[in-house]
């Protein structure tokens, strides 16, 4: 099997930002993604958990893409990292069928 190196993107964000994140992905050339709910966590501002009463919580958007597309997305999201408290993680992964990413 041939392995190809790609970038794995993970974005932790408040759920209401999802449409804006999807727009940024698409504008960066990244069409395929996965959205996962997040129940609770802790960070520099303390502990947090999903608010089941209002339906607001956090989510993780994941994607695998080329280094160029990942860099384009990072540039697009840079202004939101502080203002919207996003956590953007980029890492290298080895994938099979690299032509799909």
C-alpha atoms as a PDB file:
ATOM      1  CA  UNK A   1       0.000   0.000   0.000  1.00  0.00           C
ATOM      2  CA  UNK A   2       1.199   3.476  -0.833  1.00  0.00           C
ATOM      3  CA  UNK A   3       0.985   5.997   1.972  1.00  0.00           C
ATOM      4  CA  UNK A   4       0.760   9.721   1.316  1.00  0.00           C
ATOM      5  CA  UNK A   5       1.340  12.539   3.819  1.00  0.00           C
ATOM      6  CA  UNK A   6      -1.537  14.982   4.242  1.00  0.00           C
ATOM      7  CA  UNK A   7      -2.634  17.554   6.838  1.00  0.00           C
ATOM      8  CA  UNK A   8      -5.249  16.699   9.441  1.00  0.00           C
ATOM      9  CA  UNK A   9      -7.304  19.676  10.567  1.00  0.00           C
ATOM     10  CA  UNK A  10      -9.226  19.820  13.827  1.00  0.00           C
ATOM     11  CA  UNK A  11     -11.151  22.930  14.824  1.00  0.00           C
ATOM     12  CA  UNK A  12     -12.740  23.206  18.269  1.00  0.00           C
ATOM     13  CA  UNK A  13     -15.411  25.902  18.214  1.00  0.00           C
ATOM     14  CA  UNK A  14     -18.753  26.992  19.602  1.00  0.00           C
ATOM     15  CA  UNK A  15     -21.554  25.248  17.699  1.00  0.00           C
ATOM     16  CA  UNK A  16     -23.159  28.460  16.350  1.00  0.00           C
ATOM     17  CA  UNK A  17     -19.953  29.092  14.344  1.00  0.00           C
ATOM     18  CA  UNK A  18     -20.421  25.953  12.241  1.00  0.00           C
ATOM     19  CA  UNK A  19     -21.825  27.714   9.129  1.00  0.00           C
ATOM     20  CA  UNK A  20     -18.907  30.160   9.173  1.00  0.00           C
ATOM     21  CA  UNK A  21     -16.396  27.313   9.541  1.00  0.00           C
ATOM     22  CA  UNK A  22     -17.966  25.388   6.664  1.00  0.00           C
ATOM     23  CA  UNK A  23     -17.764  28.520   4.490  1.00  0.00           C
ATOM     24  CA  UNK A  24     -14.064  28.880   5.376  1.00  0.00           C
ATOM     25  CA  UNK A  25     -13.400  25.225   4.535  1.00  0.00           C
ATOM     26  CA  UNK A  26     -15.105  25.512   1.170  1.00  0.00           C
ATOM     27  CA  UNK A  27     -13.370  28.799   0.335  1.00  0.00           C
ATOM     28  CA  UNK A  28     -10.041  27.091   1.110  1.00  0.00           C
ATOM     29  CA  UNK A  29     -10.757  24.222  -1.272  1.00  0.00           C
ATOM     30  CA  UNK A  30     -11.742  21.711   1.420  1.00  0.00           C
ATOM     31  CA  UNK A  31     -15.114  20.133   0.650  1.00  0.00           C
ATOM     32  CA  UNK A  32     -14.968  16.952   2.747  1.00  0.00           C
ATOM     33  CA  UNK A  33     -15.201  17.218   6.517  1.00  0.00           C
ATOM     34  CA  UNK A  34     -16.694  15.627   9.623  1.00  0.00           C
ATOM     35  CA  UNK A  35     -18.446  17.387  12.508  1.00  0.00           C
ATOM     36  CA  UNK A  36     -18.440  15.845  15.976  1.00  0.00           C
ATOM     37  CA  UNK A  37     -20.220  17.073  19.119  1.00  0.00           C
ATOM     38  CA  UNK A  38     -18.102  17.806  22.191  1.00  0.00           C
ATOM     39  CA  UNK A  39     -19.609  17.281  25.638  1.00  0.00           C
ATOM     40  CA  UNK A  40     -17.159  18.933  28.015  1.00  0.00           C
ATOM     41  CA  UNK A  41     -13.581  20.050  28.530  1.00  0.00           C
ATOM     42  CA  UNK A  42     -11.237  22.442  30.247  1.00  0.00           C
ATOM     43  CA  UNK A  43      -8.954  25.146  28.958  1.00  0.00           C
ATOM     44  CA  UNK A  44      -7.278  28.397  29.895  1.00  0.00           C
ATOM     45  CA  UNK A  45     -10.649  29.911  30.815  1.00  0.00           C
ATOM     46  CA  UNK A  46     -11.642  26.977  33.022  1.00  0.00           C
ATOM     47  CA  UNK A  47     -14.015  24.066  32.689  1.00  0.00           C
ATOM     48  CA  UNK A  48     -17.005  24.057  30.386  1.00  0.00           C
ATOM     49  CA  UNK A  49     -19.751  21.664  29.335  1.00  0.00           C
ATOM     50  CA  UNK A  50     -22.539  21.531  26.819  1.00  0.00           C
ATOM     51  CA  UNK A  51     -25.584  23.567  27.793  1.00  0.00           C
ATOM     52  CA  UNK A  52     -28.429  21.154  27.090  1.00  0.00           C
ATOM     53  CA  UNK A  53     -31.033  23.764  28.056  1.00  0.00           C
ATOM     54  CA  UNK A  54     -30.120  26.220  25.293  1.00  0.00           C
ATOM     55  CA  UNK A  55     -28.616  23.675  22.921  1.00  0.00           C
ATOM     56  CA  UNK A  56     -25.343  25.563  22.701  1.00  0.00           C
ATOM     57  CA  UNK A  57     -22.137  23.694  23.036  1.00  0.00           C
ATOM     58  CA  UNK A  58     -18.913  23.029  21.256  1.00  0.00           C
ATOM     59  CA  UNK A  59     -18.025  20.892  18.299  1.00  0.00           C
ATOM     60  CA  UNK A  60     -14.986  19.658  16.444  1.00  0.00           C
ATOM     61  CA  UNK A  61     -14.717  19.943  12.679  1.00  0.00           C
ATOM     62  CA  UNK A  62     -12.213  17.508  11.201  1.00  0.00           C
ATOM     63  CA  UNK A  63     -10.787  17.273   7.695  1.00  0.00           C
ATOM     64  CA  UNK A  64      -7.820  15.811   5.860  1.00  0.00           C
ATOM     65  CA  UNK A  65      -6.370  17.827   3.017  1.00  0.00           C
ATOM     66  CA  UNK A  66      -3.241  19.016   1.254  1.00  0.00           C
ATOM     67  CA  UNK A  67      -0.723  21.294   2.953  1.00  0.00           C
ATOM     68  CA  UNK A  68      -1.706  24.153   0.609  1.00  0.00           C
ATOM     69  CA  UNK A  69      -5.399  23.909   1.456  1.00  0.00           C
ATOM     70  CA  UNK A  70      -4.622  23.642   5.177  1.00  0.00           C
ATOM     71  CA  UNK A  71      -2.465  26.775   4.996  1.00  0.00           C
ATOM     72  CA  UNK A  72      -5.241  28.638   3.165  1.00  0.00           C
ATOM     73  CA  UNK A  73      -7.717  27.646   5.882  1.00  0.00           C
ATOM     74  CA  UNK A  74      -5.335  28.730   8.654  1.00  0.00           C
ATOM     75  CA  UNK A  75      -5.006  32.140   6.992  1.00  0.00           C
ATOM     76  CA  UNK A  76      -8.799  32.481   6.771  1.00  0.00           C
ATOM     77  CA  UNK A  77      -9.370  31.466  10.387  1.00  0.00           C
ATOM     78  CA  UNK A  78      -6.486  33.458  11.909  1.00  0.00           C
ATOM     79  CA  UNK A  79      -8.652  36.542  12.646  1.00  0.00           C
ATOM     80  CA  UNK A  80     -11.195  34.360  14.502  1.00  0.00           C
ATOM     81  CA  UNK A  81      -8.763  32.488  16.739  1.00  0.00           C
ATOM     82  CA  UNK A  82      -8.827  35.076  19.518  1.00  0.00           C
ATOM     83  CA  UNK A  83     -12.120  36.853  18.888  1.00  0.00           C
ATOM     84  CA  UNK A  84     -14.134  33.609  18.779  1.00  0.00           C
ATOM     85  CA  UNK A  85     -11.833  31.458  20.946  1.00  0.00           C
ATOM     86  CA  UNK A  86     -11.251  28.844  18.257  1.00  0.00           C
ATOM     87  CA  UNK A  87      -8.679  26.128  18.693  1.00  0.00           C
ATOM     88  CA  UNK A  88      -7.112  25.198  15.344  1.00  0.00           C
ATOM     89  CA  UNK A  89      -4.911  22.112  15.239  1.00  0.00           C
ATOM     90  CA  UNK A  90      -2.918  20.999  12.207  1.00  0.00           C
ATOM     91  CA  UNK A  91      -0.918  17.787  12.121  1.00  0.00           C
ATOM     92  CA  UNK A  92       0.605  15.497   9.549  1.00  0.00           C
ATOM     93  CA  UNK A  93      -1.000  12.130   8.881  1.00  0.00           C
ATOM     94  CA  UNK A  94      -0.267   9.242   6.576  1.00  0.00           C
ATOM     95  CA  UNK A  95      -3.253   8.188   4.486  1.00  0.00           C
ATOM     96  CA  UNK A  96      -4.000   5.454   2.001  1.00  0.00           C
ATOM     97  CA  UNK A  97      -5.694   6.594  -1.222  1.00  0.00           C
ATOM     98  CA  UNK A  98      -4.123  10.040  -0.974  1.00  0.00           C
ATOM     99  CA  UNK A  99      -5.809  11.089  -4.219  1.00  0.00           C
ATOM    100  CA  UNK A 100      -9.050  11.444  -2.245  1.00  0.00           C
ATOM    101  CA  UNK A 101      -7.609  14.209  -0.055  1.00  0.00           C
END
